[in-house]
C-alpha cells in the first residue's frame, strides 16, 4: 500500500534531504508541497509531476489537510512555527514527522506533548514522530553496540567545533540569522550532538546533573555560539561535552572510555581500542541518515508502531539537556539537576 505524503516546508533541508528521502522510499507517494509563499513552493515542487503546490497566498495549508489522498506530512519549518502546524495536521488525522528540535523550549514541547497524549493518542487515528537523523547513522549505532559489550562506562568526551560563516547557506536563512528562540545555532544544531551522545551512553548512563559555561564568540551568531559542559550520569560517571559554531577549531569526536577499552566516532568512522589493539570501521555510505529515518517512519506507519527513535519523548530529552546547559551558563556554571 502506497502512503500519500505531503512535504511541509521548502527550505534547504527539505530540498536537499527530505525530498530525496521521500523519492527514495517506495512506501511513499509525494502528493503535495506546502510553503508559506507560493514562490518558495514552486522552487521546490514546481518541476515535480503530479505534485500540487500549496501556500498561504494560494491554496492554503488547511486545504491541503482536507485531502483524503494525503495520509501523512513531513514538517520542516522554522523552529517556532512548527508546533501550530503539527497540531493542525494531527487534528485532521494526518500522521506527522516533524523536524527536530521538538520545539523552541521545554515548556512549549511539554504542552504540545501533553496535548498529543490527551487528545490525539486516544483516537488512535494519527501518530507523531520527531525526526533526528543522527539516531539513524550507522556509525553511531555500531559504536553504541561496541560500547555495550566493553564493560562499565568510565567516562566520555564530546567535542563538535566549527565556524559558521556569514554567507553560508544555513546562516543566511532569515530565521536562523536572527533567531527568535534560545541558543541560536546551539539549539538548531546542538540537539544533534546531544542525541548522538545519548545514543552512545545508552540507557544506563542518563545525564542527571550538569554544569556549563556558554558564550558568544562571534558577533554574527547571537545569542550564543559556544558551550563547554560537564555532565554527570545516573551510573555515577562524568564526562565533557563541548560544542561551538564560532571557533577556529575544526572537527568532531565522540569518545567513550569503557573498562575494556575505548570507542570513538568521527566523520563516519569508528575506532575501537580493545586490550591495546585498534580496530577501525568506516561507514562511507551512511550519508546524513535522513533516508534511513524516513524509511523507518514509513515502516512504522505500515506496521502501526512508530519507531522508538522518533518518539517525541526522546526529542524532548535532547532539548531538556540543551536547555539545562543554557540555564547553567546563564548563572556562571551553577549545577543544574535534570529530572530522571
C-alpha atoms as a PDB file:
ATOM      1  CA  UNK A   1       0.000   0.000   0.000  1.00  0.00           C
ATOM      2  CA  UNK A   2       1.384   3.408  -1.001  1.00  0.00           C
ATOM      3  CA  UNK A   3       1.121   6.190   1.562  1.00  0.00           C
ATOM      4  CA  UNK A   4       0.317   9.674   0.254  1.00  0.00           C
ATOM      5  CA  UNK A   5       2.643  12.212   1.859  1.00  0.00           C
ATOM      6  CA  UNK A   6       2.994  15.990   1.742  1.00  0.00           C
ATOM      7  CA  UNK A   7       6.193  17.921   2.387  1.00  0.00           C
ATOM      8  CA  UNK A   8       5.558  20.978   4.554  1.00  0.00           C
ATOM      9  CA  UNK A   9       8.361  23.473   4.055  1.00  0.00           C
ATOM     10  CA  UNK A  10      10.620  24.283   1.130  1.00  0.00           C
ATOM     11  CA  UNK A  11      13.870  25.270   2.820  1.00  0.00           C
ATOM     12  CA  UNK A  12      17.371  23.912   2.375  1.00  0.00           C
ATOM     13  CA  UNK A  13      16.891  20.739   4.404  1.00  0.00           C
ATOM     14  CA  UNK A  14      13.531  19.976   2.803  1.00  0.00           C
ATOM     15  CA  UNK A  15      15.054  20.331  -0.655  1.00  0.00           C
ATOM     16  CA  UNK A  16      18.396  18.615  -0.088  1.00  0.00           C
ATOM     17  CA  UNK A  17      17.369  15.898   2.366  1.00  0.00           C
ATOM     18  CA  UNK A  18      13.633  15.308   2.783  1.00  0.00           C
ATOM     19  CA  UNK A  19      12.643  15.408  -0.880  1.00  0.00           C
ATOM     20  CA  UNK A  20      15.293  12.852  -1.977  1.00  0.00           C
ATOM     21  CA  UNK A  21      14.401  10.683   1.025  1.00  0.00           C
ATOM     22  CA  UNK A  22      10.705  10.661   0.084  1.00  0.00           C
ATOM     23  CA  UNK A  23      11.538   9.877  -3.534  1.00  0.00           C
ATOM     24  CA  UNK A  24      13.798   7.011  -2.439  1.00  0.00           C
ATOM     25  CA  UNK A  25      11.139   5.466  -0.201  1.00  0.00           C
ATOM     26  CA  UNK A  26       8.939   3.011  -2.128  1.00  0.00           C
ATOM     27  CA  UNK A  27       6.212   3.259   0.501  1.00  0.00           C
ATOM     28  CA  UNK A  28       5.599   6.954  -0.142  1.00  0.00           C
ATOM     29  CA  UNK A  29       3.993   8.879  -2.980  1.00  0.00           C
ATOM     30  CA  UNK A  30       4.580  12.634  -2.786  1.00  0.00           C
ATOM     31  CA  UNK A  31       1.235  14.338  -3.350  1.00  0.00           C
ATOM     32  CA  UNK A  32       1.823  17.953  -2.330  1.00  0.00           C
ATOM     33  CA  UNK A  33       4.344  20.561  -1.265  1.00  0.00           C
ATOM     34  CA  UNK A  34       3.493  23.448   1.040  1.00  0.00           C
ATOM     35  CA  UNK A  35       5.418  26.631   1.748  1.00  0.00           C
ATOM     36  CA  UNK A  36       4.171  29.841   3.276  1.00  0.00           C
ATOM     37  CA  UNK A  37       4.897  31.598  -0.056  1.00  0.00           C
ATOM     38  CA  UNK A  38       3.897  30.151  -3.440  1.00  0.00           C
ATOM     39  CA  UNK A  39       7.191  31.293  -4.919  1.00  0.00           C
ATOM     40  CA  UNK A  40       9.084  29.072  -2.470  1.00  0.00           C
ATOM     41  CA  UNK A  41       6.755  26.120  -3.084  1.00  0.00           C
ATOM     42  CA  UNK A  42       7.434  26.436  -6.814  1.00  0.00           C
ATOM     43  CA  UNK A  43      11.197  26.402  -6.263  1.00  0.00           C
ATOM     44  CA  UNK A  44      10.920  23.040  -4.536  1.00  0.00           C
ATOM     45  CA  UNK A  45       7.996  21.328  -6.242  1.00  0.00           C
ATOM     46  CA  UNK A  46       7.356  23.220  -9.450  1.00  0.00           C
ATOM     47  CA  UNK A  47       9.076  20.640 -11.662  1.00  0.00           C
ATOM     48  CA  UNK A  48       7.633  17.563  -9.960  1.00  0.00           C
ATOM     49  CA  UNK A  49       4.955  15.606 -11.799  1.00  0.00           C
ATOM     50  CA  UNK A  50       1.575  15.069 -10.137  1.00  0.00           C
ATOM     51  CA  UNK A  51       2.575  17.149  -7.110  1.00  0.00           C
ATOM     52  CA  UNK A  52       0.267  20.011  -6.123  1.00  0.00           C
ATOM     53  CA  UNK A  53       1.552  23.228  -4.588  1.00  0.00           C
ATOM     54  CA  UNK A  54       0.048  24.956  -1.555  1.00  0.00           C
ATOM     55  CA  UNK A  55       0.825  28.219   0.204  1.00  0.00           C
ATOM     56  CA  UNK A  56      -0.876  30.918   2.207  1.00  0.00           C
ATOM     57  CA  UNK A  57      -1.119  33.101  -0.908  1.00  0.00           C
ATOM     58  CA  UNK A  58      -2.827  30.383  -2.968  1.00  0.00           C
ATOM     59  CA  UNK A  59      -4.297  27.092  -1.759  1.00  0.00           C
ATOM     60  CA  UNK A  60      -3.789  27.028   1.996  1.00  0.00           C
ATOM     61  CA  UNK A  61      -2.352  24.516   4.448  1.00  0.00           C
ATOM     62  CA  UNK A  62      -5.883  23.853   5.726  1.00  0.00           C
ATOM     63  CA  UNK A  63      -6.966  22.929   2.223  1.00  0.00           C
ATOM     64  CA  UNK A  64      -4.054  20.548   1.867  1.00  0.00           C
ATOM     65  CA  UNK A  65      -5.053  18.804   5.098  1.00  0.00           C
ATOM     66  CA  UNK A  66      -8.543  18.195   3.702  1.00  0.00           C
ATOM     67  CA  UNK A  67      -7.183  15.841   1.033  1.00  0.00           C
ATOM     68  CA  UNK A  68      -8.060  12.189   1.540  1.00  0.00           C
ATOM     69  CA  UNK A  69      -5.100  11.042  -0.546  1.00  0.00           C
ATOM     70  CA  UNK A  70      -2.639  12.662   1.880  1.00  0.00           C
ATOM     71  CA  UNK A  71      -2.268  10.432   4.911  1.00  0.00           C
ATOM     72  CA  UNK A  72       0.983  11.821   6.298  1.00  0.00           C
ATOM     73  CA  UNK A  73       3.070  15.003   6.378  1.00  0.00           C
ATOM     74  CA  UNK A  74       6.730  15.785   6.940  1.00  0.00           C
ATOM     75  CA  UNK A  75       7.045  19.209   8.569  1.00  0.00           C
ATOM     76  CA  UNK A  76      10.304  21.120   8.121  1.00  0.00           C
ATOM     77  CA  UNK A  77       9.546  24.729   9.029  1.00  0.00           C
ATOM     78  CA  UNK A  78      11.251  27.350  11.233  1.00  0.00           C
ATOM     79  CA  UNK A  79      11.507  26.125  14.826  1.00  0.00           C
ATOM     80  CA  UNK A  80       8.969  28.488  16.387  1.00  0.00           C
ATOM     81  CA  UNK A  81       6.398  27.909  13.620  1.00  0.00           C
ATOM     82  CA  UNK A  82       6.281  24.127  13.783  1.00  0.00           C
ATOM     83  CA  UNK A  83       4.022  23.446  16.808  1.00  0.00           C
ATOM     84  CA  UNK A  84       0.915  25.033  15.239  1.00  0.00           C
ATOM     85  CA  UNK A  85       1.405  23.080  12.014  1.00  0.00           C
ATOM     86  CA  UNK A  86       1.901  19.864  13.968  1.00  0.00           C
ATOM     87  CA  UNK A  87      -1.334  20.437  15.888  1.00  0.00           C
ATOM     88  CA  UNK A  88      -3.360  21.204  12.767  1.00  0.00           C
ATOM     89  CA  UNK A  89      -2.159  18.100  10.957  1.00  0.00           C
ATOM     90  CA  UNK A  90      -2.800  15.776  13.900  1.00  0.00           C
ATOM     91  CA  UNK A  91      -6.264  17.270  14.442  1.00  0.00           C
ATOM     92  CA  UNK A  92      -7.067  16.398  10.808  1.00  0.00           C
ATOM     93  CA  UNK A  93      -5.932  12.809  11.354  1.00  0.00           C
ATOM     94  CA  UNK A  94      -2.638  13.098   9.443  1.00  0.00           C
ATOM     95  CA  UNK A  95       0.448  11.257  10.612  1.00  0.00           C
ATOM     96  CA  UNK A  96       3.289  13.700  11.343  1.00  0.00           C
ATOM     97  CA  UNK A  97       7.055  13.546  11.203  1.00  0.00           C
ATOM     98  CA  UNK A  98       8.321  16.953  12.372  1.00  0.00           C
ATOM     99  CA  UNK A  99      11.907  18.132  12.198  1.00  0.00           C
ATOM    100  CA  UNK A 100      13.994  18.497  15.322  1.00  0.00           C
ATOM    101  CA  UNK A 101      14.050  20.191  17.737  1.00  0.00           C
ATOM    102  CA  UNK A 102      10.635  19.228  19.061  1.00  0.00           C
ATOM    103  CA  UNK A 103      10.044  22.903  19.970  1.00  0.00           C
ATOM    104  CA  UNK A 104      11.929  26.058  20.910  1.00  0.00           C
ATOM    105  CA  UNK A 105      11.944  25.192  24.625  1.00  0.00           C
ATOM    106  CA  UNK A 106      10.801  22.541  27.077  1.00  0.00           C
ATOM    107  CA  UNK A 107       7.689  24.479  28.118  1.00  0.00           C
ATOM    108  CA  UNK A 108       6.265  24.531  24.591  1.00  0.00           C
ATOM    109  CA  UNK A 109       7.410  20.948  23.995  1.00  0.00           C
ATOM    110  CA  UNK A 110       5.743  19.625  27.157  1.00  0.00           C
ATOM    111  CA  UNK A 111       2.493  21.437  26.400  1.00  0.00           C
ATOM    112  CA  UNK A 112       2.432  20.010  22.881  1.00  0.00           C
ATOM    113  CA  UNK A 113       3.271  16.508  24.073  1.00  0.00           C
ATOM    114  CA  UNK A 114       0.620  16.664  26.832  1.00  0.00           C
ATOM    115  CA  UNK A 115      -1.999  17.760  24.285  1.00  0.00           C
ATOM    116  CA  UNK A 116      -0.956  14.966  21.915  1.00  0.00           C
ATOM    117  CA  UNK A 117      -1.184  12.274  24.594  1.00  0.00           C
ATOM    118  CA  UNK A 118      -4.528  13.503  25.921  1.00  0.00           C
ATOM    119  CA  UNK A 119      -6.394  14.365  22.729  1.00  0.00           C
ATOM    120  CA  UNK A 120      -4.772  12.580  19.789  1.00  0.00           C
ATOM    121  CA  UNK A 121      -3.397   9.275  21.084  1.00  0.00           C
ATOM    122  CA  UNK A 122      -6.774   8.026  22.442  1.00  0.00           C
ATOM    123  CA  UNK A 123      -8.348   8.499  18.997  1.00  0.00           C
ATOM    124  CA  UNK A 124      -5.768   6.121  17.515  1.00  0.00           C
ATOM    125  CA  UNK A 125      -6.018   7.830  14.123  1.00  0.00           C
ATOM    126  CA  UNK A 126      -2.791   9.811  13.837  1.00  0.00           C
ATOM    127  CA  UNK A 127       0.748   9.455  15.126  1.00  0.00           C
ATOM    128  CA  UNK A 128       3.532  11.944  15.741  1.00  0.00           C
ATOM    129  CA  UNK A 129       7.244  11.331  15.373  1.00  0.00           C
ATOM    130  CA  UNK A 130      10.117  13.784  15.660  1.00  0.00           C
ATOM    131  CA  UNK A 131      12.963  13.488  13.184  1.00  0.00           C
ATOM    132  CA  UNK A 132      16.531  13.188  14.471  1.00  0.00           C
ATOM    133  CA  UNK A 133      18.722  11.817  11.708  1.00  0.00           C
ATOM    134  CA  UNK A 134      21.777  11.295  13.944  1.00  0.00           C
ATOM    135  CA  UNK A 135      19.910   8.435  15.636  1.00  0.00           C
ATOM    136  CA  UNK A 136      19.925   6.681  12.250  1.00  0.00           C
ATOM    137  CA  UNK A 137      23.616   6.997  11.436  1.00  0.00           C
ATOM    138  CA  UNK A 138      25.095   3.506  11.184  1.00  0.00           C
ATOM    139  CA  UNK A 139      28.378   4.695  12.695  1.00  0.00           C
ATOM    140  CA  UNK A 140      26.711   5.686  15.966  1.00  0.00           C
ATOM    141  CA  UNK A 141      24.567   2.542  16.080  1.00  0.00           C
ATOM    142  CA  UNK A 142      27.667   0.383  15.588  1.00  0.00           C
ATOM    143  CA  UNK A 143      29.652   2.351  18.166  1.00  0.00           C
ATOM    144  CA  UNK A 144      26.834   2.093  20.725  1.00  0.00           C
ATOM    145  CA  UNK A 145      26.750  -1.673  20.232  1.00  0.00           C
ATOM    146  CA  UNK A 146      30.505  -1.888  20.795  1.00  0.00           C
ATOM    147  CA  UNK A 147      30.219   0.231  23.952  1.00  0.00           C
ATOM    148  CA  UNK A 148      27.590  -2.118  25.378  1.00  0.00           C
ATOM    149  CA  UNK A 149      29.985  -5.054  25.044  1.00  0.00           C
ATOM    150  CA  UNK A 150      33.010  -3.402  26.657  1.00  0.00           C
ATOM    151  CA  UNK A 151      32.010  -3.318  30.291  1.00  0.00           C
ATOM    152  CA  UNK A 152      31.210  -0.358  32.500  1.00  0.00           C
ATOM    153  CA  UNK A 153      31.486   3.138  31.025  1.00  0.00           C
ATOM    154  CA  UNK A 154      34.281   5.046  32.779  1.00  0.00           C
ATOM    155  CA  UNK A 155      33.878   8.427  31.111  1.00  0.00           C
ATOM    156  CA  UNK A 156      33.269  10.278  27.873  1.00  0.00           C
ATOM    157  CA  UNK A 157      34.305  13.319  25.915  1.00  0.00           C
ATOM    158  CA  UNK A 158      32.440  15.007  23.091  1.00  0.00           C
ATOM    159  CA  UNK A 159      33.650  17.927  21.017  1.00  0.00           C
ATOM    160  CA  UNK A 160      31.910  19.366  17.964  1.00  0.00           C
ATOM    161  CA  UNK A 161      33.570  22.514  16.672  1.00  0.00           C
ATOM    162  CA  UNK A 162      33.327  24.651  13.558  1.00  0.00           C
ATOM    163  CA  UNK A 163      32.879  28.202  12.311  1.00  0.00           C
ATOM    164  CA  UNK A 164      29.536  29.219  10.814  1.00  0.00           C
ATOM    165  CA  UNK A 165      30.495  31.979   8.406  1.00  0.00           C
ATOM    166  CA  UNK A 166      28.334  34.821   7.074  1.00  0.00           C
ATOM    167  CA  UNK A 167      27.218  33.925   3.573  1.00  0.00           C
ATOM    168  CA  UNK A 168      26.835  30.234   4.348  1.00  0.00           C
ATOM    169  CA  UNK A 169      23.567  28.693   3.179  1.00  0.00           C
ATOM    170  CA  UNK A 170      22.269  27.909   6.660  1.00  0.00           C
ATOM    171  CA  UNK A 171      23.440  31.184   8.189  1.00  0.00           C
ATOM    172  CA  UNK A 172      21.662  33.204   5.519  1.00  0.00           C
ATOM    173  CA  UNK A 173      18.317  31.603   6.361  1.00  0.00           C
ATOM    174  CA  UNK A 174      16.484  34.613   7.915  1.00  0.00           C
ATOM    175  CA  UNK A 175      15.057  32.739  10.915  1.00  0.00           C
ATOM    176  CA  UNK A 176      18.494  31.322  11.758  1.00  0.00           C
ATOM    177  CA  UNK A 177      20.318  34.595  11.136  1.00  0.00           C
ATOM    178  CA  UNK A 178      18.127  36.403  13.667  1.00  0.00           C
ATOM    179  CA  UNK A 179      16.880  33.612  15.951  1.00  0.00           C
ATOM    180  CA  UNK A 180      13.678  34.064  17.931  1.00  0.00           C
ATOM    181  CA  UNK A 181      14.493  31.079  20.131  1.00  0.00           C
ATOM    182  CA  UNK A 182      17.006  30.210  22.834  1.00  0.00           C
ATOM    183  CA  UNK A 183      20.530  29.236  21.943  1.00  0.00           C
ATOM    184  CA  UNK A 184      20.551  30.076  18.247  1.00  0.00           C
ATOM    185  CA  UNK A 185      22.673  27.515  16.392  1.00  0.00           C
ATOM    186  CA  UNK A 186      23.284  25.733  19.695  1.00  0.00           C
ATOM    187  CA  UNK A 187      19.629  24.663  19.718  1.00  0.00           C
ATOM    188  CA  UNK A 188      19.243  24.104  15.998  1.00  0.00           C
ATOM    189  CA  UNK A 189      22.465  22.130  15.591  1.00  0.00           C
ATOM    190  CA  UNK A 190      23.309  21.204  19.148  1.00  0.00           C
ATOM    191  CA  UNK A 191      20.424  18.787  19.656  1.00  0.00           C
ATOM    192  CA  UNK A 192      22.058  16.555  17.008  1.00  0.00           C
ATOM    193  CA  UNK A 193      25.164  16.200  19.156  1.00  0.00           C
ATOM    194  CA  UNK A 194      23.155  15.658  22.328  1.00  0.00           C
ATOM    195  CA  UNK A 195      21.133  12.919  20.623  1.00  0.00           C
ATOM    196  CA  UNK A 196      24.299  11.229  19.352  1.00  0.00           C
ATOM    197  CA  UNK A 197      25.902  11.374  22.803  1.00  0.00           C
ATOM    198  CA  UNK A 198      22.818   9.878  24.427  1.00  0.00           C
ATOM    199  CA  UNK A 199      22.830   7.047  21.869  1.00  0.00           C
ATOM    200  CA  UNK A 200      26.420   6.185  22.793  1.00  0.00           C
ATOM    201  CA  UNK A 201      25.873   6.419  26.556  1.00  0.00           C
ATOM    202  CA  UNK A 202      22.887   4.077  26.353  1.00  0.00           C
ATOM    203  CA  UNK A 203      20.032   3.551  28.817  1.00  0.00           C
ATOM    204  CA  UNK A 204      22.177   3.144  31.952  1.00  0.00           C
ATOM    205  CA  UNK A 205      24.177   6.387  31.769  1.00  0.00           C
ATOM    206  CA  UNK A 206      21.479   9.042  31.515  1.00  0.00           C
ATOM    207  CA  UNK A 207      22.505  12.682  32.107  1.00  0.00           C
ATOM    208  CA  UNK A 208      21.229  13.671  35.567  1.00  0.00           C
ATOM    209  CA  UNK A 209      23.273  16.745  36.528  1.00  0.00           C
ATOM    210  CA  UNK A 210      25.435  19.194  34.629  1.00  0.00           C
ATOM    211  CA  UNK A 211      27.321  22.433  34.771  1.00  0.00           C
ATOM    212  CA  UNK A 212      28.140  24.610  31.793  1.00  0.00           C
ATOM    213  CA  UNK A 213      29.684  27.830  30.574  1.00  0.00           C
ATOM    214  CA  UNK A 214      28.240  29.432  27.464  1.00  0.00           C
ATOM    215  CA  UNK A 215      29.382  32.392  25.427  1.00  0.00           C
ATOM    216  CA  UNK A 216      29.040  34.221  22.123  1.00  0.00           C
ATOM    217  CA  UNK A 217      32.420  34.264  20.390  1.00  0.00           C
ATOM    218  CA  UNK A 218      31.224  35.683  17.076  1.00  0.00           C
ATOM    219  CA  UNK A 219      29.062  38.820  16.852  1.00  0.00           C
ATOM    220  CA  UNK A 220      27.152  37.409  13.875  1.00  0.00           C
ATOM    221  CA  UNK A 221      25.987  34.352  15.866  1.00  0.00           C
ATOM    222  CA  UNK A 222      23.577  35.619  18.548  1.00  0.00           C
ATOM    223  CA  UNK A 223      22.649  34.932  21.244  1.00  0.00           C
ATOM    224  CA  UNK A 224      25.304  32.244  21.918  1.00  0.00           C
ATOM    225  CA  UNK A 225      27.553  30.053  19.797  1.00  0.00           C
ATOM    226  CA  UNK A 226      29.655  28.049  22.273  1.00  0.00           C
ATOM    227  CA  UNK A 227      29.038  25.775  25.270  1.00  0.00           C
ATOM    228  CA  UNK A 228      31.534  23.843  27.408  1.00  0.00           C
ATOM    229  CA  UNK A 229      29.850  21.489  29.844  1.00  0.00           C
ATOM    230  CA  UNK A 230      30.443  18.647  32.300  1.00  0.00           C
ATOM    231  CA  UNK A 231      27.720  16.020  32.674  1.00  0.00           C
ATOM    232  CA  UNK A 232      27.165  13.561  35.494  1.00  0.00           C
ATOM    233  CA  UNK A 233      25.093  10.480  34.677  1.00  0.00           C
ATOM    234  CA  UNK A 234      22.853   8.084  36.573  1.00  0.00           C
ATOM    235  CA  UNK A 235      25.641   5.484  36.526  1.00  0.00           C
ATOM    236  CA  UNK A 236      27.846   7.801  38.566  1.00  0.00           C
ATOM    237  CA  UNK A 237      30.383   8.695  35.879  1.00  0.00           C
ATOM    238  CA  UNK A 238      31.020  12.099  34.354  1.00  0.00           C
ATOM    239  CA  UNK A 239      32.225  13.418  31.014  1.00  0.00           C
ATOM    240  CA  UNK A 240      32.712  16.562  28.968  1.00  0.00           C
ATOM    241  CA  UNK A 241      30.544  17.987  26.209  1.00  0.00           C
ATOM    242  CA  UNK A 242      31.878  20.902  24.160  1.00  0.00           C
ATOM    243  CA  UNK A 243      30.168  22.380  21.137  1.00  0.00           C
ATOM    244  CA  UNK A 244      30.924  25.573  19.232  1.00  0.00           C
ATOM    245  CA  UNK A 245      29.793  27.094  15.975  1.00  0.00           C
ATOM    246  CA  UNK A 246      32.057  30.104  16.394  1.00  0.00           C
ATOM    247  CA  UNK A 247      35.602  28.782  16.794  1.00  0.00           C
ATOM    248  CA  UNK A 248      38.626  28.225  14.594  1.00  0.00           C
ATOM    249  CA  UNK A 249      38.862  24.688  15.978  1.00  0.00           C
ATOM    250  CA  UNK A 250      37.532  22.194  13.452  1.00  0.00           C
ATOM    251  CA  UNK A 251      36.157  18.674  13.596  1.00  0.00           C
ATOM    252  CA  UNK A 252      34.209  16.412  15.901  1.00  0.00           C
ATOM    253  CA  UNK A 253      34.832  13.449  18.151  1.00  0.00           C
ATOM    254  CA  UNK A 254      32.525  11.388  20.307  1.00  0.00           C
ATOM    255  CA  UNK A 255      34.637   9.179  22.593  1.00  0.00           C
ATOM    256  CA  UNK A 256      33.581   6.702  25.285  1.00  0.00           C
ATOM    257  CA  UNK A 257      36.009   5.089  27.741  1.00  0.00           C
ATOM    258  CA  UNK A 258      34.971   1.649  28.951  1.00  0.00           C
ATOM    259  CA  UNK A 259      36.523  -0.996  31.228  1.00  0.00           C
ATOM    260  CA  UNK A 260      37.844  -2.975  28.246  1.00  0.00           C
ATOM    261  CA  UNK A 261      38.917  -0.045  26.067  1.00  0.00           C
ATOM    262  CA  UNK A 262      37.672   2.961  24.148  1.00  0.00           C
ATOM    263  CA  UNK A 263      35.235   3.711  21.307  1.00  0.00           C
ATOM    264  CA  UNK A 264      35.490   6.856  19.195  1.00  0.00           C
ATOM    265  CA  UNK A 265      33.244   8.152  16.398  1.00  0.00           C
ATOM    266  CA  UNK A 266      34.414  10.818  13.965  1.00  0.00           C
ATOM    267  CA  UNK A 267      33.450  11.686  10.376  1.00  0.00           C
ATOM    268  CA  UNK A 268      31.590   8.442   9.658  1.00  0.00           C
ATOM    269  CA  UNK A 269      34.320   6.263  11.116  1.00  0.00           C
ATOM    270  CA  UNK A 270      34.544   4.268  14.329  1.00  0.00           C
ATOM    271  CA  UNK A 271      37.783   3.388  16.099  1.00  0.00           C
ATOM    272  CA  UNK A 272      37.711   0.794  18.879  1.00  0.00           C
ATOM    273  CA  UNK A 273      40.753   0.133  21.050  1.00  0.00           C
ATOM    274  CA  UNK A 274      40.385  -3.150  22.900  1.00  0.00           C
ATOM    275  CA  UNK A 275      43.221  -4.599  25.011  1.00  0.00           C
ATOM    276  CA  UNK A 276      45.625  -2.284  23.243  1.00  0.00           C
ATOM    277  CA  UNK A 277      44.561  -3.343  19.753  1.00  0.00           C
ATOM    278  CA  UNK A 278      42.974  -0.800  17.423  1.00  0.00           C
ATOM    279  CA  UNK A 279      40.053  -1.708  15.166  1.00  0.00           C
ATOM    280  CA  UNK A 280      38.712   0.705  12.530  1.00  0.00           C
ATOM    281  CA  UNK A 281      35.425   0.616  10.646  1.00  0.00           C
ATOM    282  CA  UNK A 282      34.162   3.188   8.140  1.00  0.00           C
ATOM    283  CA  UNK A 283      30.614   3.955   7.026  1.00  0.00           C
ATOM    284  CA  UNK A 284      31.107   5.718   3.719  1.00  0.00           C
ATOM    285  CA  UNK A 285      27.526   5.282   2.520  1.00  0.00           C
ATOM    286  CA  UNK A 286      25.598   6.289   5.639  1.00  0.00           C
ATOM    287  CA  UNK A 287      25.007   9.831   4.330  1.00  0.00           C
ATOM    288  CA  UNK A 288      23.091  12.165   6.602  1.00  0.00           C
ATOM    289  CA  UNK A 289      20.801   9.455   7.981  1.00  0.00           C
ATOM    290  CA  UNK A 290      17.660  11.158   6.636  1.00  0.00           C
ATOM    291  CA  UNK A 291      16.862   8.442   4.076  1.00  0.00           C
ATOM    292  CA  UNK A 292      17.126   5.783   6.787  1.00  0.00           C
ATOM    293  CA  UNK A 293      14.996   7.949   9.065  1.00  0.00           C
ATOM    294  CA  UNK A 294      12.209   8.472   6.504  1.00  0.00           C
ATOM    295  CA  UNK A 295      12.225   4.784   5.596  1.00  0.00           C
ATOM    296  CA  UNK A 296      11.874   3.859   9.275  1.00  0.00           C
ATOM    297  CA  UNK A 297       8.958   6.265   9.613  1.00  0.00           C
ATOM    298  CA  UNK A 298       7.225   4.687   6.608  1.00  0.00           C
ATOM    299  CA  UNK A 299       7.709   1.211   8.056  1.00  0.00           C
ATOM    300  CA  UNK A 300       6.263   2.404  11.348  1.00  0.00           C
ATOM    301  CA  UNK A 301       3.161   3.744   9.604  1.00  0.00           C
ATOM    302  CA  UNK A 302       2.730   0.462   7.744  1.00  0.00           C
ATOM    303  CA  UNK A 303       3.164  -1.596  10.915  1.00  0.00           C
ATOM    304  CA  UNK A 304       1.154   0.696  13.148  1.00  0.00           C
ATOM    305  CA  UNK A 305       4.073   1.159  15.559  1.00  0.00           C
ATOM    306  CA  UNK A 306       6.231   4.284  15.369  1.00  0.00           C
ATOM    307  CA  UNK A 307       9.966   3.691  15.737  1.00  0.00           C
ATOM    308  CA  UNK A 308      11.060   4.474  19.300  1.00  0.00           C
ATOM    309  CA  UNK A 309      13.914   6.584  17.909  1.00  0.00           C
ATOM    310  CA  UNK A 310      11.274   9.026  16.651  1.00  0.00           C
ATOM    311  CA  UNK A 311       9.386   9.282  19.922  1.00  0.00           C
ATOM    312  CA  UNK A 312       8.580  12.894  20.903  1.00  0.00           C
ATOM    313  CA  UNK A 313       9.739  11.951  24.401  1.00  0.00           C
ATOM    314  CA  UNK A 314      13.230  11.250  23.046  1.00  0.00           C
ATOM    315  CA  UNK A 315      13.244  14.599  21.269  1.00  0.00           C
ATOM    316  CA  UNK A 316      12.136  16.326  24.479  1.00  0.00           C
ATOM    317  CA  UNK A 317      15.106  14.812  26.324  1.00  0.00           C
ATOM    318  CA  UNK A 318      17.528  16.327  23.807  1.00  0.00           C
ATOM    319  CA  UNK A 319      16.053  19.795  24.324  1.00  0.00           C
ATOM    320  CA  UNK A 320      15.973  19.308  28.111  1.00  0.00           C
ATOM    321  CA  UNK A 321      19.718  18.711  28.202  1.00  0.00           C
ATOM    322  CA  UNK A 322      20.430  21.661  25.899  1.00  0.00           C
ATOM    323  CA  UNK A 323      18.190  23.963  27.925  1.00  0.00           C
ATOM    324  CA  UNK A 324      19.815  22.870  31.186  1.00  0.00           C
ATOM    325  CA  UNK A 325      23.231  23.794  29.760  1.00  0.00           C
ATOM    326  CA  UNK A 326      21.917  27.208  28.728  1.00  0.00           C
ATOM    327  CA  UNK A 327      20.432  27.819  32.189  1.00  0.00           C
ATOM    328  CA  UNK A 328      23.695  26.800  33.868  1.00  0.00           C
ATOM    329  CA  UNK A 329      25.643  29.046  31.522  1.00  0.00           C
ATOM    330  CA  UNK A 330      23.422  31.998  32.374  1.00  0.00           C
ATOM    331  CA  UNK A 331      24.289  31.503  36.053  1.00  0.00           C
ATOM    332  CA  UNK A 332      28.067  31.207  35.714  1.00  0.00           C
ATOM    333  CA  UNK A 333      28.154  27.435  35.703  1.00  0.00           C
ATOM    334  CA  UNK A 334      25.793  26.670  38.573  1.00  0.00           C
ATOM    335  CA  UNK A 335      24.974  22.921  38.619  1.00  0.00           C
ATOM    336  CA  UNK A 336      21.571  22.066  37.163  1.00  0.00           C
ATOM    337  CA  UNK A 337      19.715  18.882  38.083  1.00  0.00           C
ATOM    338  CA  UNK A 338      17.818  17.022  35.373  1.00  0.00           C
ATOM    339  CA  UNK A 339      14.774  15.083  36.485  1.00  0.00           C
ATOM    340  CA  UNK A 340      15.277  11.420  35.619  1.00  0.00           C
END
